[in-house]
C-alpha atoms as a PDB file:
ATOM      1  CA  MET A   1      17.347   1.051   3.640  1.00  0.00           C
ATOM      2  CA  ALA A   2      17.892  -2.647   4.277  1.00  0.00           C
ATOM      3  CA  ARG A   3      19.745  -1.773   7.488  1.00  0.00           C
ATOM      4  CA  LEU A   4      16.877   0.227   8.970  1.00  0.00           C
ATOM      5  CA  SER A   5      16.238  -0.611  12.592  1.00  0.00           C
ATOM      6  CA  TRP A   6      12.649  -1.685  13.011  1.00  0.00           C
ATOM      7  CA  PRO A   7      11.093  -2.396  16.396  1.00  0.00           C
ATOM      8  CA  ASP A   8      11.281  -6.143  17.104  1.00  0.00           C
ATOM      9  CA  ASP A   9       7.512  -6.610  16.886  1.00  0.00           C
ATOM     10  CA  VAL A  10       7.400  -4.929  13.468  1.00  0.00           C
ATOM     11  CA  ALA A  11      10.291  -7.020  12.155  1.00  0.00           C
ATOM     12  CA  ARG A  12       8.528 -10.201  13.351  1.00  0.00           C
ATOM     13  CA  GLU A  13       5.052  -9.429  12.062  1.00  0.00           C
ATOM     14  CA  ARG A  14       5.582  -7.793   8.668  1.00  0.00           C
ATOM     15  CA  SER A  15       4.192 -10.043   5.977  1.00  0.00           C
ATOM     16  CA  ALA A  16       5.443  -8.470   2.738  1.00  0.00           C
ATOM     17  CA  VAL A  17       6.718  -5.378   0.987  1.00  0.00           C
ATOM     18  CA  VAL A  18       4.364  -3.709  -1.474  1.00  0.00           C
ATOM     19  CA  PRO A  19       5.799  -1.355  -4.093  1.00  0.00           C
ATOM     20  CA  VAL A  20       3.805   1.705  -5.122  1.00  0.00           C
ATOM     21  CA  PRO A  21       2.500   0.849  -8.593  1.00  0.00           C
ATOM     22  CA  LEU A  22       3.052   3.116 -11.575  1.00  0.00           C
ATOM     23  CA  SER A  23       0.444   3.694 -14.217  1.00  0.00           C
ATOM     24  CA  ALA A  24       0.976   1.549 -17.320  1.00  0.00           C
ATOM     25  CA  PRO A  25       1.921   4.558 -19.508  1.00  0.00           C
ATOM     26  CA  ARG A  26       4.423   5.844 -16.932  1.00  0.00           C
ATOM     27  CA  GLU A  27       6.024   2.427 -16.539  1.00  0.00           C
ATOM     28  CA  ARG A  28       6.296   2.041 -20.332  1.00  0.00           C
ATOM     29  CA  GLU A  29       7.884   5.487 -20.523  1.00  0.00           C
ATOM     30  CA  ARG A  30      10.488   4.714 -17.844  1.00  0.00           C
ATOM     31  CA  GLY A  31      10.920   1.060 -18.683  1.00  0.00           C
ATOM     32  CA  PHE A  32      10.722   0.030 -15.023  1.00  0.00           C
ATOM     33  CA  ASN A  33       9.065   0.791 -11.702  1.00  0.00           C
ATOM     34  CA  GLN A  34      11.674   2.255  -9.362  1.00  0.00           C
ATOM     35  CA  SER A  35       9.646   1.406  -6.234  1.00  0.00           C
ATOM     36  CA  GLU A  36       9.404  -2.215  -7.314  1.00  0.00           C
ATOM     37  CA  ARG A  37      13.156  -2.380  -7.863  1.00  0.00           C
ATOM     38  CA  ILE A  38      13.758  -1.019  -4.366  1.00  0.00           C
ATOM     39  CA  ALA A  39      11.223  -3.471  -2.893  1.00  0.00           C
ATOM     40  CA  ARG A  40      12.899  -6.414  -4.640  1.00  0.00           C
ATOM     41  CA  ALA A  41      16.272  -5.349  -3.250  1.00  0.00           C
ATOM     42  CA  LEU A  42      14.905  -4.997   0.303  1.00  0.00           C
ATOM     43  CA  ALA A  43      12.800  -8.158   0.497  1.00  0.00           C
ATOM     44  CA  PRO A  44      15.656 -10.695   0.839  1.00  0.00           C
ATOM     45  CA  SER A  45      17.299  -8.684   3.625  1.00  0.00           C
ATOM     46  CA  TRP A  46      14.008  -8.462   5.504  1.00  0.00           C
ATOM     47  CA  ARG A  47      13.112 -12.078   4.687  1.00  0.00           C
ATOM     48  CA  VAL A  48       9.685 -11.201   3.348  1.00  0.00           C
ATOM     49  CA  PRO A  49       8.146 -11.550  -0.111  1.00  0.00           C
ATOM     50  CA  VAL A  50       7.338  -8.771  -2.549  1.00  0.00           C
ATOM     51  CA  TRP A  51       3.604  -8.559  -3.192  1.00  0.00           C
ATOM     52  CA  ASP A  52       3.443  -6.595  -6.426  1.00  0.00           C
ATOM     53  CA  ASP A  53      -0.064  -7.842  -7.205  1.00  0.00           C
ATOM     54  CA  VAL A  54      -1.993  -6.588  -4.148  1.00  0.00           C
ATOM     55  CA  LEU A  55      -2.079  -2.908  -5.063  1.00  0.00           C
ATOM     56  CA  MET A  56      -3.052  -1.561  -8.471  1.00  0.00           C
ATOM     57  CA  ARG A  57      -3.633   1.793 -10.093  1.00  0.00           C
ATOM     58  CA  ALA A  58      -7.350   2.322 -10.531  1.00  0.00           C
ATOM     59  CA  ARG A  59      -6.597   5.267 -12.799  1.00  0.00           C
ATOM     60  CA  SER A  60      -3.680   7.268 -14.100  1.00  0.00           C
ATOM     61  CA  THR A  61      -2.831  10.507 -12.309  1.00  0.00           C
ATOM     62  CA  ALA A  62      -1.059  13.701 -13.264  1.00  0.00           C
ATOM     63  CA  THR A  63       2.542  14.047 -12.177  1.00  0.00           C
ATOM     64  CA  GLN A  64       2.713  15.367  -8.615  1.00  0.00           C
ATOM     65  CA  THR A  65       5.898  17.380  -9.125  1.00  0.00           C
ATOM     66  CA  ARG A  66       4.420  20.876  -9.212  1.00  0.00           C
ATOM     67  CA  LEU A  67       1.255  20.312  -7.181  1.00  0.00           C
ATOM     68  CA  THR A  68       0.496  21.789  -3.774  1.00  0.00           C
ATOM     69  CA  PRO A  69      -0.128  19.393  -0.879  1.00  0.00           C
ATOM     70  CA  GLY A  70      -3.913  19.725  -1.285  1.00  0.00           C
ATOM     71  CA  GLU A  71      -3.698  19.182  -5.021  1.00  0.00           C
ATOM     72  CA  ARG A  72      -1.545  16.100  -4.445  1.00  0.00           C
ATOM     73  CA  ARG A  73      -4.139  14.582  -2.096  1.00  0.00           C
ATOM     74  CA  ARG A  74      -6.935  15.209  -4.592  1.00  0.00           C
ATOM     75  CA  ASN A  75      -4.829  13.922  -7.482  1.00  0.00           C
ATOM     76  CA  VAL A  76      -4.261  10.486  -5.889  1.00  0.00           C
ATOM     77  CA  SER A  77      -7.538  10.153  -3.996  1.00  0.00           C
ATOM     78  CA  GLY A  78      -9.086   6.892  -5.148  1.00  0.00           C
ATOM     79  CA  ALA A  79      -6.228   6.223  -7.571  1.00  0.00           C
ATOM     80  CA  PHE A  80      -5.334   2.843  -6.016  1.00  0.00           C
ATOM     81  CA  ARG A  81      -7.252  -0.344  -5.273  1.00  0.00           C
ATOM     82  CA  THR A  82      -6.746  -3.925  -4.225  1.00  0.00           C
ATOM     83  CA  PRO A  83      -8.030  -6.632  -6.559  1.00  0.00           C
ATOM     84  CA  PRO A  84     -10.738  -8.814  -4.977  1.00  0.00           C
ATOM     85  CA  ASN A  85      -8.697 -11.990  -5.549  1.00  0.00           C
ATOM     86  CA  VAL A  86      -5.915 -10.839  -3.156  1.00  0.00           C
ATOM     87  CA  GLN A  87      -8.044  -9.632  -0.268  1.00  0.00           C
ATOM     88  CA  ALA A  88      -7.968 -13.000   1.528  1.00  0.00           C
ATOM     89  CA  ARG A  89      -4.136 -12.904   1.443  1.00  0.00           C
ATOM     90  CA  LEU A  90      -4.111  -9.303   2.699  1.00  0.00           C
ATOM     91  CA  ARG A  91      -6.555  -9.896   5.562  1.00  0.00           C
ATOM     92  CA  GLY A  92      -4.909  -9.185   8.906  1.00  0.00           C
ATOM     93  CA  THR A  93      -1.411  -8.641   7.522  1.00  0.00           C
ATOM     94  CA  HIS A  94       1.249  -6.042   8.227  1.00  0.00           C
ATOM     95  CA  VAL A  95       2.586  -4.762   4.917  1.00  0.00           C
ATOM     96  CA  VAL A  96       5.361  -2.280   4.224  1.00  0.00           C
ATOM     97  CA  ILE A  97       4.714   0.088   1.324  1.00  0.00           C
ATOM     98  CA  VAL A  98       7.898   0.945  -0.581  1.00  0.00           C
ATOM     99  CA  ASP A  99       8.261   4.166  -2.557  1.00  0.00           C
ATOM    100  CA  ASP A 100      11.265   5.943  -3.978  1.00  0.00           C
ATOM    101  CA  VAL A 101      10.587   9.478  -2.707  1.00  0.00           C
ATOM    102  CA  VAL A 102       8.103  11.010  -0.285  1.00  0.00           C
ATOM    103  CA  THR A 103       7.096  14.652  -0.443  1.00  0.00           C
ATOM    104  CA  THR A 104       3.718  15.089   1.259  1.00  0.00           C
ATOM    105  CA  ALA A 105       2.904  11.354   1.690  1.00  0.00           C
ATOM    106  CA  ALA A 106      -0.265  11.809  -0.385  1.00  0.00           C
ATOM    107  CA  THR A 107       0.583   8.815  -2.584  1.00  0.00           C
ATOM    108  CA  LEU A 108       1.617   6.654   0.377  1.00  0.00           C
ATOM    109  CA  ASN A 109      -1.563   7.551   2.247  1.00  0.00           C
ATOM    110  CA  ALA A 110      -3.730   6.761  -0.792  1.00  0.00           C
ATOM    111  CA  CYS A 111      -1.964   3.405  -1.160  1.00  0.00           C
ATOM    112  CA  ALA A 112      -2.396   2.690   2.553  1.00  0.00           C
ATOM    113  CA  ALA A 113      -6.112   3.491   2.380  1.00  0.00           C
ATOM    114  CA  ALA A 114      -6.547   0.998  -0.483  1.00  0.00           C
ATOM    115  CA  LEU A 115      -4.556  -1.694   1.333  1.00  0.00           C
ATOM    116  CA  TYR A 116      -6.488  -1.117   4.549  1.00  0.00           C
ATOM    117  CA  ASP A 117      -9.782  -1.321   2.650  1.00  0.00           C
ATOM    118  CA  GLY A 118      -8.457  -4.541   1.104  1.00  0.00           C
ATOM    119  CA  GLY A 119      -7.901  -6.111   4.513  1.00  0.00           C
ATOM    120  CA  ALA A 120      -4.384  -5.194   5.673  1.00  0.00           C
ATOM    121  CA  ARG A 121      -4.289  -4.621   9.437  1.00  0.00           C
ATOM    122  CA  ILE A 122      -1.082  -2.599   9.791  1.00  0.00           C
ATOM    123  CA  ILE A 123       0.687  -0.557   7.132  1.00  0.00           C
ATOM    124  CA  SER A 124       4.193   0.835   7.412  1.00  0.00           C
ATOM    125  CA  TYR A 125       6.032   3.009   4.899  1.00  0.00           C
ATOM    126  CA  VAL A 126       9.627   3.118   3.783  1.00  0.00           C
ATOM    127  CA  THR A 127      11.071   5.498   1.203  1.00  0.00           C
ATOM    128  CA  PHE A 128      14.481   6.116  -0.247  1.00  0.00           C
ATOM    129  CA  GLY A 129      14.349   9.895  -0.082  1.00  0.00           C
ATOM    130  CA  ARG A 130      12.432  12.962   1.017  1.00  0.00           C
ATOM    131  CA  ALA A 131      11.766  15.792  -1.409  1.00  0.00           C
ATOM    132  CA  PRO A 132      10.758  19.252  -0.225  1.00  0.00           C
ATOM    133  CA  ALA A 133       7.113  20.095  -0.804  1.00  0.00           C
ATOM    134  CA  ILE A 134       5.863  23.436  -2.066  1.00  0.00           C
ATOM    135  CA  GLY A 135       5.760  25.622   0.996  1.00  0.00           C
ATOM    136  CA  ASP A 136       8.465  23.748   2.902  1.00  0.00           C
ATOM    137  CA  ARG A 137      10.762  26.201   4.575  1.00  0.00           C
ATOM    138  CA  ILE A 138      14.377  25.630   3.678  1.00  0.00           C
ATOM    139  CA  GLU A 139      16.754  26.646   6.418  1.00  0.00           C
ATOM    140  CA  LEU A 140      20.331  27.311   5.457  1.00  0.00           C
ATOM    141  CA  ARG A 141      23.022  26.750   8.041  1.00  0.00           C
ATOM    142  CA  GLY A 142      24.710  29.859   9.276  1.00  0.00           C
ATOM    143  CA  GLU A 143      21.864  32.157   8.259  1.00  0.00           C
ATOM    144  CA  THR A 144      19.419  33.730  10.663  1.00  0.00           C
END
């Protein structure tokens, strides 16, 4: 991920990486936030800070694993917010949201909406992996 080729203007203007926050119970259960660990590994290579305080969970959500795309959007709608004390820092910035896996991008889009409402000007996403969503068509090689 650190070797991703970004357009020159994006590489110059990005201000920080922002990990997708976990709910407190989920983080206690796992013992860590995987998105934050990825963000902390990427930040030195990209020469930007990690802003782990600009995006917070407004509420816990159900696991997205078995939800349809529509259910995922509803599940995370309004689940994230930016604290008022960070909005001046966010104003006009280009932030990169870091998540471990993307399926439908419902979580990333909900995070982006909160960051945009908090003042960020441009929001990019980077994820480690892509999981198939319910309804994705899996094509096997060699089969017609």
